[in-house]
């Protein structure tokens, strides 16, 4: 009997132990679940989904306007609190207008720092001066954009860039692009590649010509656009002052009419591909179709980039009998004549006065 009682007590002990373990596991599981749920709630409250929000702040926006925009976009939780912060920090009138991409989890200091700097640049400007050779033009583009000269050259010669004015339709010679990259100031998208930039600059010449010829016509002494561009490049290279451009064009016109050598020093420098202040007698012997001391008529292509002023001056070259011009004043003023003796006298005087070497 004692043995049976003892056995029952052992069995009850085992059962109770098992039940205790079961209850312990059950409560532990529920507690863990409760803790996990609580953490989920906390995370849900404190770790709001981070989003990048696009906003646009118009020019002239007040601090109240700006805080309202930010509040409406969910970047700040209280427009009043942020406006008070701005005024306390003396920044209410220092935030910059523009288009922004801003995260919705920034504190006031971080947000204000962004708005004080202004929106990140999406474009930049480059300027191509007038009068540059094509090689110099590509170097200028390279220095302002970061694209190397070789890749820019390859883009022109590969046919990726298109222009209806390429000399004789042959885009594979760099010389045939001379003058076709229009000098101007351009706004460039930061994502633009070399081809995009070159196409923009080349297309600008076409736009300028279309605009000019909505009101103008080619004069009868100019046969085609290539001649127009070539003469405009000569006017660009030779003229210092605006008032002299049409008269320089007039001299070129008269010499072409008379089948005279143009004898323009700028064409010699282009043939030599050297920039220097004085053309020497030995330079005049260079064997090049651009040597206007040796060959009559115009050079085969423009010799530089040219601007609208030189185009207009060429189209409106006045009637005159001038066949000579010379720089006669240090301020850039030129003198014109149809008499060779008069020209020589002006030249000697200009040398004595140090105007020309």
Protein backbone atom coordinates (compact mmCIF):
# COMPACT_ATOMS: atom_id res chain seq x y z
CA UNK A 1 0.00 0.00 0.00
CA UNK A 2 2.83 2.35 0.84
CA UNK A 3 4.42 1.51 -2.45
CA UNK A 4 1.21 2.43 -4.34
CA UNK A 5 0.89 5.74 -2.46
CA UNK A 6 4.49 6.57 -3.14
CA UNK A 7 4.09 5.86 -6.82
CA UNK A 8 1.01 8.12 -7.03
CA UNK A 9 2.86 10.98 -5.39
CA UNK A 10 5.70 10.67 -7.89
CA UNK A 11 3.21 10.69 -10.77
CA UNK A 12 1.45 13.77 -9.43
CA UNK A 13 4.78 15.52 -9.04
CA UNK A 14 5.70 14.79 -12.63
CA UNK A 15 2.30 16.02 -13.87
CA UNK A 16 2.54 19.24 -11.83
CA UNK A 17 6.08 19.87 -13.09
CA UNK A 18 4.98 19.42 -16.69
CA UNK A 19 2.03 21.77 -16.17
CA UNK A 20 4.33 24.40 -14.60
CA UNK A 21 6.67 24.16 -17.57
CA UNK A 22 3.75 24.45 -20.00
CA UNK A 23 2.34 27.52 -18.22
CA UNK A 24 5.81 29.08 -18.02
CA UNK A 25 6.34 28.64 -21.74
CA UNK A 26 2.88 30.02 -22.49
CA UNK A 27 3.38 33.19 -20.45
CA UNK A 28 6.90 33.68 -21.79
CA UNK A 29 5.56 33.45 -25.33
CA UNK A 30 2.80 35.97 -24.61
CA UNK A 31 5.25 38.34 -22.94
CA UNK A 32 7.63 38.21 -25.89
CA UNK A 33 4.74 38.79 -28.27
CA UNK A 34 3.61 41.75 -26.16
CA UNK A 35 7.09 43.24 -26.12
CA UNK A 36 7.44 42.76 -29.87
CA UNK A 37 4.06 44.41 -30.43
CA UNK A 38 5.07 47.32 -28.23
CA UNK A 39 8.31 47.74 -30.16
CA UNK A 40 6.40 47.66 -33.44
CA UNK A 41 4.20 50.45 -32.18
CA UNK A 42 7.22 52.51 -31.11
CA UNK A 43 8.96 51.91 -34.43
CA UNK A 44 5.80 52.81 -36.27
CA UNK A 45 5.56 56.10 -34.36
CA UNK A 46 9.24 57.13 -34.46
CA UNK A 47 10.49 55.73 -37.78
CA UNK A 48 8.21 57.35 -40.30
CA UNK A 49 8.92 56.32 -43.88
CA UNK A 50 11.58 58.63 -45.31
CA UNK A 51 10.53 60.21 -48.58
CA UNK A 52 12.18 62.70 -50.95
CA UNK A 53 9.70 65.47 -51.61
CA UNK A 54 9.82 67.83 -54.61
CA UNK A 55 8.93 71.40 -53.76
CA UNK A 56 9.06 74.70 -55.62
CA UNK A 57 9.45 78.00 -53.79
CA UNK A 58 8.49 80.95 -56.00
CA UNK A 59 10.52 84.14 -56.14
CA UNK A 60 9.41 86.68 -53.55
CA UNK A 61 7.95 84.10 -51.15
CA UNK A 62 7.70 85.26 -47.53
CA UNK A 63 8.61 83.12 -44.53
CA UNK A 64 4.88 82.46 -44.04
CA UNK A 65 4.55 81.35 -47.68
CA UNK A 66 7.55 79.04 -47.42
CA UNK A 67 6.48 77.39 -44.19
CA UNK A 68 3.01 76.83 -45.65
CA UNK A 69 4.53 75.10 -48.68
CA UNK A 70 6.72 72.91 -46.47
CA UNK A 71 3.77 72.06 -44.22
CA UNK A 72 1.53 71.15 -47.15
CA UNK A 73 4.22 68.84 -48.52
CA UNK A 74 4.69 67.09 -45.17
CA UNK A 75 8.28 68.23 -44.69
CA UNK A 76 7.48 69.94 -41.40
CA UNK A 77 4.77 69.09 -38.90
CA UNK A 78 4.00 72.68 -37.87
CA UNK A 79 4.27 75.74 -40.06
CA UNK A 80 3.86 77.99 -37.02
CA UNK A 81 6.71 76.32 -35.12
CA UNK A 82 9.05 76.57 -38.11
CA UNK A 83 8.17 80.19 -38.82
CA UNK A 84 8.84 81.08 -35.17
CA UNK A 85 12.18 79.24 -35.42
CA UNK A 86 13.13 81.21 -38.56
CA UNK A 87 12.29 84.54 -37.00
CA UNK A 88 14.12 83.72 -33.76
CA UNK A 89 17.19 82.77 -35.81
CA UNK A 90 16.86 85.93 -37.98
CA UNK A 91 16.56 83.82 -41.12
CA UNK A 92 13.00 84.60 -42.18
CA UNK A 93 14.10 86.69 -45.18
CA UNK A 94 17.21 84.70 -46.14
CA UNK A 95 15.73 81.52 -47.60
CA UNK A 96 16.21 81.15 -51.33
CA UNK A 97 13.59 80.47 -53.96
CA UNK A 98 13.87 77.61 -56.42
CA UNK A 99 13.14 73.94 -56.97
CA UNK A 100 14.25 71.50 -54.28
CA UNK A 101 14.30 67.79 -53.50
CA UNK A 102 14.09 67.54 -49.71
CA UNK A 103 13.75 64.58 -47.33
CA UNK A 104 10.76 64.65 -44.98
CA UNK A 105 12.72 63.65 -41.87
CA UNK A 106 15.01 66.67 -41.40
CA UNK A 107 15.17 68.76 -38.27
CA UNK A 108 14.82 72.54 -38.51
CA UNK A 109 18.58 73.15 -38.60
CA UNK A 110 19.16 70.71 -41.45
CA UNK A 111 16.19 71.98 -43.43
CA UNK A 112 17.18 75.62 -42.99
CA UNK A 113 20.75 74.90 -44.10
CA UNK A 114 19.43 73.56 -47.40
CA UNK A 115 17.12 76.51 -47.96
CA UNK A 116 19.88 79.01 -47.18
CA UNK A 117 22.22 77.48 -49.78
CA UNK A 118 19.57 77.39 -52.48
CA UNK A 119 18.67 74.58 -54.87
CA UNK A 120 21.51 72.53 -56.36
CA UNK A 121 22.62 73.63 -59.81
CA UNK A 122 21.00 71.72 -62.64
CA UNK A 123 22.59 73.87 -65.34
CA UNK A 124 25.78 75.83 -65.85
CA UNK A 125 26.85 78.48 -68.34
CA UNK A 126 29.63 78.43 -70.91
CA UNK A 127 30.71 81.30 -73.14
CA UNK A 128 32.27 80.94 -76.58
CA UNK A 129 34.03 84.17 -77.63
CA UNK A 130 33.88 85.48 -81.17
CA UNK A 131 36.91 85.17 -83.43
CA UNK A 132 38.22 81.78 -82.26
CA UNK A 133 39.50 79.15 -84.68
CA UNK A 134 37.73 75.79 -84.54
CA UNK A 135 40.66 74.27 -82.61
CA UNK A 136 40.55 77.12 -80.10
CA UNK A 137 36.77 76.82 -79.87
CA UNK A 138 37.00 73.14 -78.94
CA UNK A 139 39.68 73.95 -76.37
CA UNK A 140 37.41 76.61 -74.88
CA UNK A 141 34.48 74.17 -74.69
CA UNK A 142 36.75 71.56 -73.13
CA UNK A 143 38.05 73.91 -70.44
CA UNK A 144 34.51 74.94 -69.48
CA UNK A 145 32.82 71.54 -69.58
CA UNK A 146 35.49 69.00 -68.68
CA UNK A 147 35.11 67.03 -71.91
CA UNK A 148 38.50 66.49 -73.52
CA UNK A 149 39.30 68.07 -76.88
CA UNK A 150 39.88 64.74 -78.58
CA UNK A 151 36.42 63.41 -77.72
CA UNK A 152 34.79 66.68 -78.83
CA UNK A 153 36.70 66.53 -82.10
CA UNK A 154 35.66 62.93 -82.66
CA UNK A 155 32.04 63.87 -82.06
CA UNK A 156 32.18 66.49 -84.82
CA UNK A 157 33.96 64.23 -87.29
CA UNK A 158 31.82 61.15 -86.60
CA UNK A 159 28.60 62.72 -87.84
CA UNK A 160 26.86 62.49 -84.46
CA UNK A 161 26.55 66.28 -84.53
CA UNK A 162 24.55 67.58 -87.47
CA UNK A 163 24.71 70.89 -89.35
CA UNK A 164 23.25 71.77 -92.73
CA UNK A 165 26.06 74.28 -93.22
CA UNK A 166 29.04 71.90 -93.08
CA UNK A 167 31.24 72.85 -96.03
CA UNK A 168 30.32 70.76 -99.12
CA UNK A 169 28.49 68.39 -96.79
CA UNK A 170 31.77 66.82 -95.68
CA UNK A 171 31.75 66.60 -91.88
CA UNK A 172 34.88 64.41 -91.69
CA UNK A 173 37.33 67.31 -91.94
CA UNK A 174 37.64 69.51 -88.87
CA UNK A 175 38.36 72.53 -91.08
CA UNK A 176 34.90 72.15 -92.61
CA UNK A 177 33.33 72.92 -89.22
CA UNK A 178 35.14 76.25 -89.02
CA UNK A 179 32.77 79.03 -88.01
CA UNK A 180 29.80 76.73 -87.48
CA UNK A 181 30.01 76.61 -83.67
CA UNK A 182 28.22 79.85 -82.90
CA UNK A 183 29.88 82.16 -80.34
CA UNK A 184 27.47 82.96 -77.54
CA UNK A 185 26.72 82.28 -73.87
CA UNK A 186 24.84 79.03 -73.33
CA UNK A 187 23.01 77.39 -70.45
CA UNK A 188 24.07 73.74 -70.33
CA UNK A 189 22.25 70.94 -68.51
CA UNK A 190 24.57 69.22 -66.05
CA UNK A 191 23.63 65.87 -67.59
CA UNK A 192 24.49 66.94 -71.16
CA UNK A 193 27.27 65.01 -72.86
CA UNK A 194 29.78 66.36 -75.37
CA UNK A 195 27.56 65.63 -78.37
CA UNK A 196 24.60 67.38 -76.74
CA UNK A 197 26.67 70.48 -76.08
CA UNK A 198 28.14 70.65 -79.58
CA UNK A 199 24.73 70.15 -81.17
CA UNK A 200 23.31 72.99 -79.10
CA UNK A 201 26.10 75.35 -80.20
CA UNK A 202 25.91 74.27 -83.84
CA UNK A 203 22.13 74.51 -83.96
CA UNK A 204 22.32 78.05 -82.58
CA UNK A 205 23.89 79.27 -85.83
CA UNK A 206 20.97 77.81 -87.78
CA UNK A 207 18.52 79.55 -85.45
CA UNK A 208 20.33 82.89 -85.80
CA UNK A 209 20.40 82.61 -89.60
CA UNK A 210 16.70 81.67 -89.75
CA UNK A 211 15.86 84.71 -87.65
CA UNK A 212 18.03 87.09 -89.68
CA UNK A 213 16.74 85.86 -93.03
CA UNK A 214 13.15 86.26 -91.97
CA UNK A 215 13.84 89.91 -92.85
CA UNK A 216 17.06 89.85 -94.91
CA UNK A 217 18.16 88.38 -98.23
CA UNK A 218 21.55 87.40 -99.60
CA UNK A 219 22.94 90.35 -101.55
CA UNK A 220 23.80 89.68 -105.19
CA UNK A 221 27.55 89.74 -104.53
CA UNK A 222 27.29 86.74 -102.19
CA UNK A 223 26.37 83.41 -103.79
CA UNK A 224 25.67 81.16 -100.82
CA UNK A 225 25.77 80.82 -97.05
CA UNK A 226 29.32 79.50 -97.00
CA UNK A 227 30.49 82.70 -98.70
CA UNK A 228 28.44 84.75 -96.25
CA UNK A 229 29.98 82.96 -93.29
CA UNK A 230 33.49 83.26 -94.74
CA UNK A 231 33.15 87.02 -95.30
CA UNK A 232 31.59 87.45 -91.85
CA UNK A 233 34.58 85.64 -90.33
CA UNK A 234 36.97 87.99 -92.15
CA UNK A 235 35.00 91.01 -90.90
CA UNK A 236 35.10 89.53 -87.39
CA UNK A 237 38.86 89.00 -87.54
CA UNK A 238 39.72 92.41 -89.00
CA UNK A 239 37.33 94.83 -87.26
CA UNK A 240 37.97 96.31 -83.85
CA UNK A 241 35.02 98.70 -83.61
CA UNK A 242 31.37 98.19 -84.43
CA UNK A 243 31.28 101.17 -86.78
CA UNK A 244 34.06 99.75 -88.96
CA UNK A 245 32.51 96.34 -89.63
CA UNK A 246 30.29 97.40 -92.59
CA UNK A 247 33.20 99.31 -94.18
CA UNK A 248 35.53 96.33 -93.88
CA UNK A 249 32.83 94.26 -95.59
CA UNK A 250 32.63 96.96 -98.26
CA UNK A 251 36.38 96.71 -98.95
CA UNK A 252 36.10 92.92 -99.28
CA UNK A 253 33.18 93.32 -101.67
CA UNK A 254 35.05 95.84 -103.84
CA UNK A 255 38.17 93.69 -104.03
CA UNK A 256 36.12 90.66 -105.03
CA UNK A 257 34.39 92.71 -107.73
CA UNK A 258 37.75 93.88 -109.06
CA UNK A 259 39.29 90.39 -108.86
CA UNK A 260 41.96 91.73 -106.52
CA UNK A 261 43.84 89.76 -103.92
CA UNK A 262 42.13 90.27 -100.57
CA UNK A 263 45.51 90.43 -98.78
CA UNK A 264 44.04 89.91 -95.32
CA UNK A 265 46.63 89.14 -92.64
CA UNK A 266 44.16 87.11 -90.57
CA UNK A 267 44.01 84.50 -93.35
CA UNK A 268 47.81 84.11 -93.20
CA UNK A 269 47.71 83.52 -89.46
CA UNK A 270 44.95 80.97 -89.98
CA UNK A 271 46.99 79.18 -92.66
CA UNK A 272 49.97 79.10 -90.31
CA UNK A 273 47.79 78.28 -87.29
CA UNK A 274 49.85 80.76 -85.31
CA UNK A 275 48.67 83.72 -83.27
CA UNK A 276 51.13 86.61 -83.47
CA UNK A 277 51.01 90.41 -83.65
CA UNK A 278 52.84 90.83 -86.96
CA UNK A 279 52.77 88.96 -90.26
CA UNK A 280 56.25 88.80 -91.82
CA UNK A 281 57.15 88.69 -95.51
CA UNK A 282 58.23 85.08 -95.16
CA UNK A 283 54.76 84.24 -93.79
CA UNK A 284 53.16 85.47 -97.00
CA UNK A 285 54.80 82.59 -98.86
CA UNK A 286 52.83 79.90 -97.04
CA UNK A 287 51.35 77.48 -99.56
CA UNK A 288 47.72 77.39 -98.53
CA UNK A 289 44.35 78.01 -100.16
CA UNK A 290 43.78 80.36 -97.22
CA UNK A 291 46.66 82.60 -98.32
CA UNK A 292 44.81 85.62 -99.69
CA UNK A 293 48.13 87.23 -100.66
CA UNK A 294 48.66 84.41 -103.16
CA UNK A 295 45.16 83.37 -104.30
CA UNK A 296 42.31 85.59 -105.40
CA UNK A 297 38.78 85.13 -104.13
CA UNK A 298 37.62 83.96 -100.73
CA UNK A 299 39.23 81.28 -98.58
CA UNK A 300 37.47 77.91 -98.93
CA UNK A 301 35.79 78.15 -95.50
CA UNK A 302 35.41 80.70 -92.69
CA UNK A 303 38.58 81.38 -90.72
CA UNK A 304 36.96 81.77 -87.29
CA UNK A 305 33.75 81.97 -85.34
CA UNK A 306 31.70 85.08 -86.04
CA UNK A 307 28.79 86.81 -84.40
CA UNK A 308 25.54 88.33 -85.56
CA UNK A 309 27.08 91.80 -85.83
CA UNK A 310 29.50 90.61 -88.50
CA UNK A 311 26.74 88.80 -90.38
CA UNK A 312 24.56 91.91 -90.42
CA UNK A 313 27.53 94.11 -91.43
CA UNK A 314 28.28 91.79 -94.33
CA UNK A 315 24.67 91.70 -95.52
CA UNK A 316 24.51 95.50 -95.33
CA UNK A 317 27.92 96.43 -96.70
CA UNK A 318 27.54 99.99 -97.98
CA UNK A 319 28.43 101.15 -101.47
CA UNK A 320 31.90 102.68 -101.47
CA UNK A 321 35.08 102.88 -103.54
CA UNK A 322 37.33 101.82 -100.66
CA UNK A 323 39.84 99.08 -101.40
CA UNK A 324 42.25 99.66 -98.49
CA UNK A 325 41.83 99.82 -94.75
CA UNK A 326 44.28 100.20 -91.92
CA UNK A 327 44.29 100.41 -88.14
CA UNK A 328 45.19 104.05 -87.47
CA UNK A 329 44.30 104.62 -83.82
CA UNK A 330 45.19 102.77 -80.64
CA UNK A 331 41.53 102.69 -79.65
CA UNK A 332 40.87 100.38 -82.60
CA UNK A 333 39.65 102.93 -85.14
CA UNK A 334 40.37 102.13 -88.79
CA UNK A 335 40.82 104.40 -91.80
CA UNK A 336 39.67 103.62 -95.34
CA UNK A 337 40.80 104.81 -98.75
CA UNK A 338 40.83 103.93 -102.45
CA UNK A 339 44.25 105.49 -103.07
CA UNK A 340 47.41 103.42 -102.62
CA UNK A 341 49.62 106.45 -101.91
CA UNK A 342 47.18 107.58 -99.26
CA UNK A 343 47.25 104.09 -97.80
CA UNK A 344 51.07 104.09 -97.60
CA UNK A 345 51.06 107.50 -95.93
CA UNK A 346 48.52 106.30 -93.34
CA UNK A 347 50.61 103.20 -92.77
CA UNK A 348 53.82 105.15 -92.16
CA UNK A 349 52.04 107.49 -89.75
CA UNK A 350 50.48 104.58 -87.86
CA UNK A 351 53.93 103.03 -87.47
CA UNK A 352 55.44 106.30 -86.22
CA UNK A 353 52.68 106.59 -83.63
CA UNK A 354 53.14 103.01 -82.52
CA UNK A 355 49.67 101.95 -83.62
CA UNK A 356 51.01 99.11 -85.77
CA UNK A 357 54.43 97.36 -85.64
